[in-house]
Amino acid sequence: EAARKAGKISPRYKVPEAQRNNTPQGIANWLAPHRAT
């Protein structure tokens, strides 16, 4: 929204779904099986 207000990005742009799940829990789940090794 900040980029849109500044006119620096297309009003129609949407963040791709592949990057919509950037969460600490997602990273923790990914790394958990390997943390001890």
PDB file of all heavy atoms in Angstrom:
ATOM      1  N   GLU A   1       0.821  -1.203   0.000  1.00  0.00           N
ATOM      2  CA  GLU A   1       0.000   0.000   0.000  1.00  0.00           C
ATOM      3  C   GLU A   1       0.862   1.263   0.000  1.00  0.00           C
ATOM      4  O   GLU A   1       0.549   2.248  -0.681  1.00  0.00           O
ATOM      5  CB  GLU A   1      -0.937  -0.004   1.208  1.00  0.00           C
ATOM      6  CG  GLU A   1      -1.896   1.182   1.279  1.00  0.00           C
ATOM      7  CD  GLU A   1      -2.814   1.273   0.071  1.00  0.00           C
ATOM      8  OE1 GLU A   1      -3.069   0.244  -0.589  1.00  0.00           O
ATOM      9  OE2 GLU A   1      -3.281   2.394  -0.226  1.00  0.00           O
ATOM     10  N   ALA A   2       1.965   1.248   0.758  1.00  0.00           N
ATOM     11  CA  ALA A   2       2.864   2.413   0.777  1.00  0.00           C
ATOM     12  C   ALA A   2       3.456   2.654  -0.602  1.00  0.00           C
ATOM     13  O   ALA A   2       3.567   3.809  -1.055  1.00  0.00           O
ATOM     14  CB  ALA A   2       3.974   2.190   1.802  1.00  0.00           C
ATOM     15  N   ALA A   3       3.832   1.569  -1.292  1.00  0.00           N
ATOM     16  CA  ALA A   3       4.388   1.711  -2.637  1.00  0.00           C
ATOM     17  C   ALA A   3       3.334   2.207  -3.617  1.00  0.00           C
ATOM     18  O   ALA A   3       3.617   3.024  -4.509  1.00  0.00           O
ATOM     19  CB  ALA A   3       4.964   0.369  -3.095  1.00  0.00           C
ATOM     20  N   ARG A   4       2.109   1.756  -3.459  1.00  0.00           N
ATOM     21  CA  ARG A   4       1.027   2.220  -4.341  1.00  0.00           C
ATOM     22  C   ARG A   4       0.764   3.713  -4.147  1.00  0.00           C
ATOM     23  O   ARG A   4       0.591   4.463  -5.120  1.00  0.00           O
ATOM     24  CB  ARG A   4      -0.248   1.428  -4.048  1.00  0.00           C
ATOM     25  CG  ARG A   4      -0.259   0.029  -4.638  1.00  0.00           C
ATOM     26  CD  ARG A   4      -1.505  -0.714  -4.201  1.00  0.00           C
ATOM     27  NE  ARG A   4      -1.572  -2.046  -4.771  1.00  0.00           N
ATOM     28  CZ  ARG A   4      -2.263  -3.055  -4.235  1.00  0.00           C
ATOM     29  NH1 ARG A   4      -2.928  -2.858  -3.092  1.00  0.00           N
ATOM     30  NH2 ARG A   4      -2.278  -4.234  -4.829  1.00  0.00           N
ATOM     31  N   LYS A   5       0.715   4.155  -2.891  1.00  0.00           N
ATOM     32  CA  LYS A   5       0.458   5.569  -2.607  1.00  0.00           C
ATOM     33  C   LYS A   5       1.537   6.456  -3.208  1.00  0.00           C
ATOM     34  O   LYS A   5       1.268   7.595  -3.604  1.00  0.00           O
ATOM     35  CB  LYS A   5       0.378   5.792  -1.101  1.00  0.00           C
ATOM     36  CG  LYS A   5      -0.924   5.302  -0.475  1.00  0.00           C
ATOM     37  CD  LYS A   5      -0.963   5.624   1.013  1.00  0.00           C
ATOM     38  CE  LYS A   5      -2.286   5.203   1.632  1.00  0.00           C
ATOM     39  NZ  LYS A   5      -2.336   5.478   3.088  1.00  0.00           N
ATOM     40  N   ALA A   6       2.750   5.940  -3.266  1.00  0.00           N
ATOM     41  CA  ALA A   6       3.858   6.727  -3.830  1.00  0.00           C
ATOM     42  C   ALA A   6       3.918   6.618  -5.350  1.00  0.00           C
ATOM     43  O   ALA A   6       4.777   7.255  -5.980  1.00  0.00           O
ATOM     44  CB  ALA A   6       5.177   6.259  -3.223  1.00  0.00           C
ATOM     45  N   GLY A   7       3.031   5.839  -5.926  1.00  0.00           N
ATOM     46  CA  GLY A   7       3.021   5.682  -7.371  1.00  0.00           C
ATOM     47  C   GLY A   7       4.185   4.887  -7.913  1.00  0.00           C
ATOM     48  O   GLY A   7       4.572   5.025  -9.077  1.00  0.00           O
ATOM     49  N   LYS A   8       4.746   4.004  -7.081  1.00  0.00           N
ATOM     50  CA  LYS A   8       5.938   3.257  -7.474  1.00  0.00           C
ATOM     51  C   LYS A   8       5.636   1.811  -7.890  1.00  0.00           C
ATOM     52  O   LYS A   8       6.559   1.059  -8.213  1.00  0.00           O
ATOM     53  CB  LYS A   8       6.963   3.255  -6.337  1.00  0.00           C
ATOM     54  CG  LYS A   8       7.443   4.636  -5.924  1.00  0.00           C
ATOM     55  CD  LYS A   8       8.250   5.322  -7.026  1.00  0.00           C
ATOM     56  CE  LYS A   8       9.660   4.790  -7.127  1.00  0.00           C
ATOM     57  NZ  LYS A   8      10.493   5.601  -8.054  1.00  0.00           N
ATOM     58  N   ILE A   9       4.354   1.430  -7.892  1.00  0.00           N
ATOM     59  CA  ILE A   9       4.008   0.070  -8.285  1.00  0.00           C
ATOM     60  C   ILE A   9       2.598   0.084  -8.867  1.00  0.00           C
ATOM     61  O   ILE A   9       1.764   0.927  -8.498  1.00  0.00           O
ATOM     62  CB  ILE A   9       4.101  -0.904  -7.079  1.00  0.00           C
ATOM     63  CG1 ILE A   9       4.155  -2.355  -7.554  1.00  0.00           C
ATOM     64  CG2 ILE A   9       2.969  -0.678  -6.088  1.00  0.00           C
ATOM     65  CD1 ILE A   9       4.582  -3.325  -6.456  1.00  0.00           C
ATOM     66  N   SER A  10       2.345  -0.805  -9.793  1.00  0.00           N
ATOM     67  CA  SER A  10       1.036  -0.863 -10.447  1.00  0.00           C
ATOM     68  C   SER A  10      -0.071  -1.099  -9.426  1.00  0.00           C
ATOM     69  O   SER A  10       0.059  -1.946  -8.546  1.00  0.00           O
ATOM     70  CB  SER A  10       1.018  -1.994 -11.479  1.00  0.00           C
ATOM     71  OG  SER A  10      -0.309  -2.244 -11.919  1.00  0.00           O
ATOM     72  N   PRO A  11      -1.173  -0.361  -9.533  1.00  0.00           N
ATOM     73  CA  PRO A  11      -2.300  -0.577  -8.615  1.00  0.00           C
ATOM     74  C   PRO A  11      -2.875  -1.986  -8.711  1.00  0.00           C
ATOM     75  O   PRO A  11      -3.527  -2.452  -7.781  1.00  0.00           O
ATOM     76  CB  PRO A  11      -3.339   0.463  -9.075  1.00  0.00           C
ATOM     77  CG  PRO A  11      -2.565   1.473  -9.840  1.00  0.00           C
ATOM     78  CD  PRO A  11      -1.422   0.755 -10.473  1.00  0.00           C
ATOM     79  N   ARG A  12      -2.623  -2.661  -9.824  1.00  0.00           N
ATOM     80  CA  ARG A  12      -3.181  -3.999 -10.026  1.00  0.00           C
ATOM     81  C   ARG A  12      -2.281  -5.111  -9.505  1.00  0.00           C
ATOM     82  O   ARG A  12      -2.674  -6.276  -9.507  1.00  0.00           O
ATOM     83  CB  ARG A  12      -3.442  -4.224 -11.515  1.00  0.00           C
ATOM     84  CG  ARG A  12      -4.492  -3.285 -12.106  1.00  0.00           C
ATOM     85  CD  ARG A  12      -4.755  -3.595 -13.562  1.00  0.00           C
ATOM     86  NE  ARG A  12      -3.549  -3.428 -14.381  1.00  0.00           N
ATOM     87  CZ  ARG A  12      -3.140  -2.259 -14.865  1.00  0.00           C
ATOM     88  NH1 ARG A  12      -3.824  -1.146 -14.600  1.00  0.00           N
ATOM     89  NH2 ARG A  12      -2.055  -2.173 -15.598  1.00  0.00           N
ATOM     90  N   TYR A  13      -1.070  -4.757  -9.065  1.00  0.00           N
ATOM     91  CA  TYR A  13      -0.125  -5.810  -8.654  1.00  0.00           C
ATOM     92  C   TYR A  13      -0.569  -6.499  -7.375  1.00  0.00           C
ATOM     93  O   TYR A  13      -1.025  -5.856  -6.424  1.00  0.00           O
ATOM     94  CB  TYR A  13       1.281  -5.224  -8.434  1.00  0.00           C
ATOM     95  CG  TYR A  13       2.270  -6.273  -7.970  1.00  0.00           C
ATOM     96  CD1 TYR A  13       2.786  -7.213  -8.847  1.00  0.00           C
ATOM     97  CD2 TYR A  13       2.657  -6.341  -6.634  1.00  0.00           C
ATOM     98  CE1 TYR A  13       3.665  -8.192  -8.429  1.00  0.00           C
ATOM     99  CE2 TYR A  13       3.544  -7.317  -6.195  1.00  0.00           C
ATOM    100  CZ  TYR A  13       4.038  -8.242  -7.090  1.00  0.00           C
ATOM    101  OH  TYR A  13       4.903  -9.219  -6.658  1.00  0.00           O
ATOM    102  N   LYS A  14      -0.425  -7.827  -7.360  1.00  0.00           N
ATOM    103  CA  LYS A  14      -0.706  -8.631  -6.171  1.00  0.00           C
ATOM    104  C   LYS A  14       0.507  -9.505  -5.856  1.00  0.00           C
ATOM    105  O   LYS A  14       1.182  -9.988  -6.770  1.00  0.00           O
ATOM    106  CB  LYS A  14      -1.940  -9.520  -6.400  1.00  0.00           C
ATOM    107  CG  LYS A  14      -3.239  -8.751  -6.570  1.00  0.00           C
ATOM    108  CD  LYS A  14      -4.412  -9.718  -6.737  1.00  0.00           C
ATOM    109  CE  LYS A  14      -5.717  -8.935  -6.891  1.00  0.00           C
ATOM    110  NZ  LYS A  14      -6.888  -9.853  -7.057  1.00  0.00           N
ATOM    111  N   VAL A  15       0.758  -9.695  -4.584  1.00  0.00           N
ATOM    112  CA  VAL A  15       1.870 -10.556  -4.175  1.00  0.00           C
ATOM    113  C   VAL A  15       1.546 -11.988  -4.582  1.00  0.00           C
ATOM    114  O   VAL A  15       0.452 -12.490  -4.283  1.00  0.00           O
ATOM    115  CB  VAL A  15       2.089 -10.480  -2.647  1.00  0.00           C
ATOM    116  CG1 VAL A  15       3.236 -11.392  -2.233  1.00  0.00           C
ATOM    117  CG2 VAL A  15       2.371  -9.039  -2.227  1.00  0.00           C
ATOM    118  N   PRO A  16       2.464 -12.662  -5.302  1.00  0.00           N
ATOM    119  CA  PRO A  16       2.200 -14.046  -5.711  1.00  0.00           C
ATOM    120  C   PRO A  16       1.911 -14.954  -4.516  1.00  0.00           C
ATOM    121  O   PRO A  16       2.462 -14.772  -3.430  1.00  0.00           O
ATOM    122  CB  PRO A  16       3.505 -14.448  -6.410  1.00  0.00           C
ATOM    123  CG  PRO A  16       4.118 -13.165  -6.843  1.00  0.00           C
ATOM    124  CD  PRO A  16       3.754 -12.160  -5.792  1.00  0.00           C
ATOM    125  N   GLU A  17       1.036 -15.930  -4.736  1.00  0.00           N
ATOM    126  CA  GLU A  17       0.645 -16.842  -3.666  1.00  0.00           C
ATOM    127  C   GLU A  17       1.837 -17.574  -3.069  1.00  0.00           C
ATOM    128  O   GLU A  17       1.848 -17.900  -1.884  1.00  0.00           O
ATOM    129  CB  GLU A  17      -0.391 -17.841  -4.178  1.00  0.00           C
ATOM    130  CG  GLU A  17      -1.775 -17.260  -4.342  1.00  0.00           C
ATOM    131  CD  GLU A  17      -2.299 -16.655  -3.046  1.00  0.00           C
ATOM    132  OE1 GLU A  17      -2.192 -17.318  -1.998  1.00  0.00           O
ATOM    133  OE2 GLU A  17      -2.801 -15.514  -3.082  1.00  0.00           O
ATOM    134  N   ALA A  18       2.857 -17.865  -3.899  1.00  0.00           N
ATOM    135  CA  ALA A  18       4.038 -18.590  -3.399  1.00  0.00           C
ATOM    136  C   ALA A  18       4.775 -17.822  -2.320  1.00  0.00           C
ATOM    137  O   ALA A  18       5.518 -18.407  -1.526  1.00  0.00           O
ATOM    138  CB  ALA A  18       4.986 -18.894  -4.557  1.00  0.00           C
ATOM    139  N   GLN A  19       4.575 -16.484  -2.287  1.00  0.00           N
ATOM    140  CA  GLN A  19       5.247 -15.653  -1.283  1.00  0.00           C
ATOM    141  C   GLN A  19       4.269 -15.127  -0.237  1.00  0.00           C
ATOM    142  O   GLN A  19       4.610 -14.246   0.545  1.00  0.00           O
ATOM    143  CB  GLN A  19       5.943 -14.481  -1.965  1.00  0.00           C
ATOM    144  CG  GLN A  19       7.311 -14.805  -2.534  1.00  0.00           C
ATOM    145  CD  GLN A  19       7.307 -14.840  -4.050  1.00  0.00           C
ATOM    146  OE1 GLN A  19       6.461 -14.240  -4.692  1.00  0.00           O
ATOM    147  NE2 GLN A  19       8.262 -15.567  -4.614  1.00  0.00           N
ATOM    148  N   ARG A  20       3.080 -15.691  -0.190  1.00  0.00           N
ATOM    149  CA  ARG A  20       2.062 -15.215   0.742  1.00  0.00           C
ATOM    150  C   ARG A  20       2.073 -15.960   2.073  1.00  0.00           C
ATOM    151  O   ARG A  20       1.281 -15.656   2.957  1.00  0.00           O
ATOM    152  CB  ARG A  20       0.671 -15.347   0.108  1.00  0.00           C
ATOM    153  CG  ARG A  20       0.235 -14.131  -0.687  1.00  0.00           C
ATOM    154  CD  ARG A  20       0.140 -12.929   0.216  1.00  0.00           C
ATOM    155  NE  ARG A  20      -0.593 -11.811  -0.370  1.00  0.00           N
ATOM    156  CZ  ARG A  20      -0.801 -10.673   0.254  1.00  0.00           C
ATOM    157  NH1 ARG A  20      -0.326 -10.489   1.486  1.00  0.00           N
ATOM    158  NH2 ARG A  20      -1.459  -9.699  -0.309  1.00  0.00           N
ATOM    159  N   ASN A  21       2.967 -16.906   2.215  1.00  0.00           N
ATOM    160  CA  ASN A  21       3.021 -17.690   3.454  1.00  0.00           C
ATOM    161  C   ASN A  21       4.380 -17.557   4.134  1.00  0.00           C
ATOM    162  O   ASN A  21       4.935 -18.533   4.636  1.00  0.00           O
ATOM    163  CB  ASN A  21       2.710 -19.158   3.162  1.00  0.00           C
ATOM    164  CG  ASN A  21       1.296 -19.337   2.635  1.00  0.00           C
ATOM    165  OD1 ASN A  21       0.330 -18.962   3.302  1.00  0.00           O
ATOM    166  ND2 ASN A  21       1.177 -19.883   1.433  1.00  0.00           N
ATOM    167  N   ASN A  22       4.905 -16.342   4.117  1.00  0.00           N
ATOM    168  CA  ASN A  22       6.187 -16.055   4.770  1.00  0.00           C
ATOM    169  C   ASN A  22       5.951 -15.850   6.262  1.00  0.00           C
ATOM    170  O   ASN A  22       5.712 -14.731   6.721  1.00  0.00           O
ATOM    171  CB  ASN A  22       6.830 -14.809   4.173  1.00  0.00           C
ATOM    172  CG  ASN A  22       7.273 -15.002   2.742  1.00  0.00           C
ATOM    173  OD1 ASN A  22       7.220 -16.114   2.206  1.00  0.00           O
ATOM    174  ND2 ASN A  22       7.717 -13.932   2.095  1.00  0.00           N
ATOM    175  N   THR A  23       5.987 -16.919   7.025  1.00  0.00           N
ATOM    176  CA  THR A  23       5.716 -16.834   8.459  1.00  0.00           C
ATOM    177  C   THR A  23       6.816 -17.504   9.251  1.00  0.00           C
ATOM    178  O   THR A  23       7.444 -18.461   8.775  1.00  0.00           O
ATOM    179  CB  THR A  23       4.382 -17.526   8.796  1.00  0.00           C
ATOM    180  OG1 THR A  23       4.501 -18.934   8.535  1.00  0.00           O
ATOM    181  CG2 THR A  23       3.231 -16.951   7.993  1.00  0.00           C
ATOM    182  N   PRO A  24       7.072 -17.043  10.472  1.00  0.00           N
ATOM    183  CA  PRO A  24       8.064 -17.708  11.327  1.00  0.00           C
ATOM    184  C   PRO A  24       7.734 -19.182  11.556  1.00  0.00           C
ATOM    185  O   PRO A  24       8.645 -20.023  11.596  1.00  0.00           O
ATOM    186  CB  PRO A  24       7.994 -16.908  12.631  1.00  0.00           C
ATOM    187  CG  PRO A  24       7.494 -15.567  12.231  1.00  0.00           C
ATOM    188  CD  PRO A  24       6.537 -15.817  11.101  1.00  0.00           C
ATOM    189  N   GLN A  25       6.462 -19.502  11.689  1.00  0.00           N
ATOM    190  CA  GLN A  25       6.096 -20.894  11.921  1.00  0.00           C
ATOM    191  C   GLN A  25       6.420 -21.769  10.716  1.00  0.00           C
ATOM    192  O   GLN A  25       6.859 -22.910  10.856  1.00  0.00           O
ATOM    193  CB  GLN A  25       4.603 -21.017  12.257  1.00  0.00           C
ATOM    194  CG  GLN A  25       4.205 -22.383  12.806  1.00  0.00           C
ATOM    195  CD  GLN A  25       4.967 -22.737  14.064  1.00  0.00           C
ATOM    196  OE1 GLN A  25       4.998 -21.972  15.025  1.00  0.00           O
ATOM    197  NE2 GLN A  25       5.619 -23.895  14.067  1.00  0.00           N
ATOM    198  N   GLY A  26       6.231 -21.206   9.516  1.00  0.00           N
ATOM    199  CA  GLY A  26       6.584 -21.964   8.313  1.00  0.00           C
ATOM    200  C   GLY A  26       8.068 -22.274   8.259  1.00  0.00           C
ATOM    201  O   GLY A  26       8.471 -23.391   7.892  1.00  0.00           O
ATOM    202  N   ILE A  27       8.902 -21.298   8.636  1.00  0.00           N
ATOM    203  CA  ILE A  27      10.356 -21.523   8.667  1.00  0.00           C
ATOM    204  C   ILE A  27      10.708 -22.530   9.753  1.00  0.00           C
ATOM    205  O   ILE A  27      11.528 -23.440   9.550  1.00  0.00           O
ATOM    206  CB  ILE A  27      11.100 -20.184   8.880  1.00  0.00           C
ATOM    207  CG1 ILE A  27      10.843 -19.233   7.711  1.00  0.00           C
ATOM    208  CG2 ILE A  27      12.591 -20.427   9.079  1.00  0.00           C
ATOM    209  CD1 ILE A  27      11.350 -19.716   6.376  1.00  0.00           C
ATOM    210  N   ALA A  28      10.073 -22.390  10.917  1.00  0.00           N
ATOM    211  CA  ALA A  28      10.351 -23.320  12.028  1.00  0.00           C
ATOM    212  C   ALA A  28       9.992 -24.753  11.640  1.00  0.00           C
ATOM    213  O   ALA A  28      10.753 -25.694  11.926  1.00  0.00           O
ATOM    214  CB  ALA A  28       9.585 -22.886  13.271  1.00  0.00           C
ATOM    215  N   ASN A  29       8.854 -24.934  10.993  1.00  0.00           N
ATOM    216  CA  ASN A  29       8.439 -26.280  10.585  1.00  0.00           C
ATOM    217  C   ASN A  29       9.407 -26.871   9.560  1.00  0.00           C
ATOM    218  O   ASN A  29       9.677 -28.075   9.568  1.00  0.00           O
ATOM    219  CB  ASN A  29       7.034 -26.239   9.993  1.00  0.00           C
ATOM    220  CG  ASN A  29       5.976 -25.904  11.031  1.00  0.00           C
ATOM    221  OD1 ASN A  29       6.216 -26.006  12.226  1.00  0.00           O
ATOM    222  ND2 ASN A  29       4.808 -25.476  10.573  1.00  0.00           N
ATOM    223  N   TRP A  30       9.894 -26.024   8.671  1.00  0.00           N
ATOM    224  CA  TRP A  30      10.847 -26.465   7.644  1.00  0.00           C
ATOM    225  C   TRP A  30      12.151 -26.969   8.269  1.00  0.00           C
ATOM    226  O   TRP A  30      12.678 -28.021   7.901  1.00  0.00           O
ATOM    227  CB  TRP A  30      11.103 -25.301   6.687  1.00  0.00           C
ATOM    228  CG  TRP A  30      12.175 -25.515   5.655  1.00  0.00           C
ATOM    229  CD1 TRP A  30      12.468 -26.665   4.986  1.00  0.00           C
ATOM    230  CD2 TRP A  30      13.089 -24.522   5.160  1.00  0.00           C
ATOM    231  NE1 TRP A  30      13.499 -26.454   4.095  1.00  0.00           N
ATOM    232  CE2 TRP A  30      13.889 -25.155   4.186  1.00  0.00           C
ATOM    233  CE3 TRP A  30      13.277 -23.165   5.427  1.00  0.00           C
ATOM    234  CZ2 TRP A  30      14.893 -24.456   3.481  1.00  0.00           C
ATOM    235  CZ3 TRP A  30      14.261 -22.487   4.725  1.00  0.00           C
ATOM    236  CH2 TRP A  30      15.066 -23.125   3.768  1.00  0.00           C
ATOM    237  N   LEU A  31      12.653 -26.217   9.240  1.00  0.00           N
ATOM    238  CA  LEU A  31      13.971 -26.519   9.788  1.00  0.00           C
ATOM    239  C   LEU A  31      13.956 -27.511  10.945  1.00  0.00           C
ATOM    240  O   LEU A  31      14.984 -28.126  11.257  1.00  0.00           O
ATOM    241  CB  LEU A  31      14.642 -25.214  10.252  1.00  0.00           C
ATOM    242  CG  LEU A  31      14.801 -24.104   9.208  1.00  0.00           C
ATOM    243  CD1 LEU A  31      15.571 -22.936   9.805  1.00  0.00           C
ATOM    244  CD2 LEU A  31      15.497 -24.610   7.951  1.00  0.00           C
ATOM    245  N   ALA A  32      12.795 -27.675  11.604  1.00  0.00           N
ATOM    246  CA  ALA A  32      12.718 -28.473  12.831  1.00  0.00           C
ATOM    247  C   ALA A  32      13.347 -29.857  12.710  1.00  0.00           C
ATOM    248  O   ALA A  32      14.094 -30.281  13.605  1.00  0.00           O
ATOM    249  CB  ALA A  32      11.266 -28.578  13.295  1.00  0.00           C
ATOM    250  N   PRO A  33      13.109 -30.634  11.639  1.00  0.00           N
ATOM    251  CA  PRO A  33      13.698 -31.985  11.573  1.00  0.00           C
ATOM    252  C   PRO A  33      15.220 -31.998  11.501  1.00  0.00           C
ATOM    253  O   PRO A  33      15.836 -33.049  11.698  1.00  0.00           O
ATOM    254  CB  PRO A  33      13.088 -32.563  10.283  1.00  0.00           C
ATOM    255  CG  PRO A  33      11.878 -31.735  10.005  1.00  0.00           C
ATOM    256  CD  PRO A  33      12.217 -30.369  10.494  1.00  0.00           C
ATOM    257  N   HIS A  34      15.829 -30.830  11.231  1.00  0.00           N
ATOM    258  CA  HIS A  34      17.276 -30.774  11.004  1.00  0.00           C
ATOM    259  C   HIS A  34      18.018 -29.974  12.079  1.00  0.00           C
ATOM    260  O   HIS A  34      19.239 -29.835  12.007  1.00  0.00           O
ATOM    261  CB  HIS A  34      17.547 -30.151   9.628  1.00  0.00           C
ATOM    262  CG  HIS A  34      16.728 -30.740   8.535  1.00  0.00           C
ATOM    263  ND1 HIS A  34      17.067 -31.920   7.908  1.00  0.00           N
ATOM    264  CD2 HIS A  34      15.557 -30.322   7.971  1.00  0.00           C
ATOM    265  CE1 HIS A  34      16.148 -32.209   6.989  1.00  0.00           C
ATOM    266  NE2 HIS A  34      15.225 -31.255   7.012  1.00  0.00           N
ATOM    267  N   ARG A  35      17.282 -29.443  13.051  1.00  0.00           N
ATOM    268  CA  ARG A  35      17.899 -28.547  14.034  1.00  0.00           C
ATOM    269  C   ARG A  35      18.910 -29.256  14.922  1.00  0.00           C
ATOM    270  O   ARG A  35      19.909 -28.661  15.332  1.00  0.00           O
ATOM    271  CB  ARG A  35      16.825 -27.871  14.895  1.00  0.00           C
ATOM    272  CG  ARG A  35      16.087 -26.748  14.227  1.00  0.00           C
ATOM    273  CD  ARG A  35      17.010 -25.582  13.877  1.00  0.00           C
ATOM    274  NE  ARG A  35      16.865 -24.450  14.747  1.00  0.00           N
ATOM    275  CZ  ARG A  35      17.849 -23.733  15.250  1.00  0.00           C
ATOM    276  NH1 ARG A  35      19.094 -24.040  14.988  1.00  0.00           N
ATOM    277  NH2 ARG A  35      17.629 -22.714  16.023  1.00  0.00           N
ATOM    278  N   ALA A  36      18.691 -30.498  15.222  1.00  0.00           N
ATOM    279  CA  ALA A  36      19.599 -31.209  16.126  1.00  0.00           C
ATOM    280  C   ALA A  36      20.829 -31.751  15.410  1.00  0.00           C
ATOM    281  O   ALA A  36      21.796 -32.171  16.056  1.00  0.00           O
ATOM    282  CB  ALA A  36      18.862 -32.346  16.818  1.00  0.00           C
ATOM    283  N   THR A  37      20.814 -31.727  14.078  1.00  0.00           N
ATOM    284  CA  THR A  37      21.912 -32.341  13.325  1.00  0.00           C
ATOM    285  C   THR A  37      22.624 -31.327  12.439  1.00  0.00           C
ATOM    286  O   THR A  37      23.722 -30.864  12.750  1.00  0.00           O
ATOM    287  CB  THR A  37      21.378 -33.509  12.483  1.00  0.00           C
ATOM    288  OG1 THR A  37      20.260 -33.037  11.684  1.00  0.00           O
ATOM    289  CG2 THR A  37      20.898 -34.653  13.377  1.00  0.00           C
TER     290      THR A  37
END
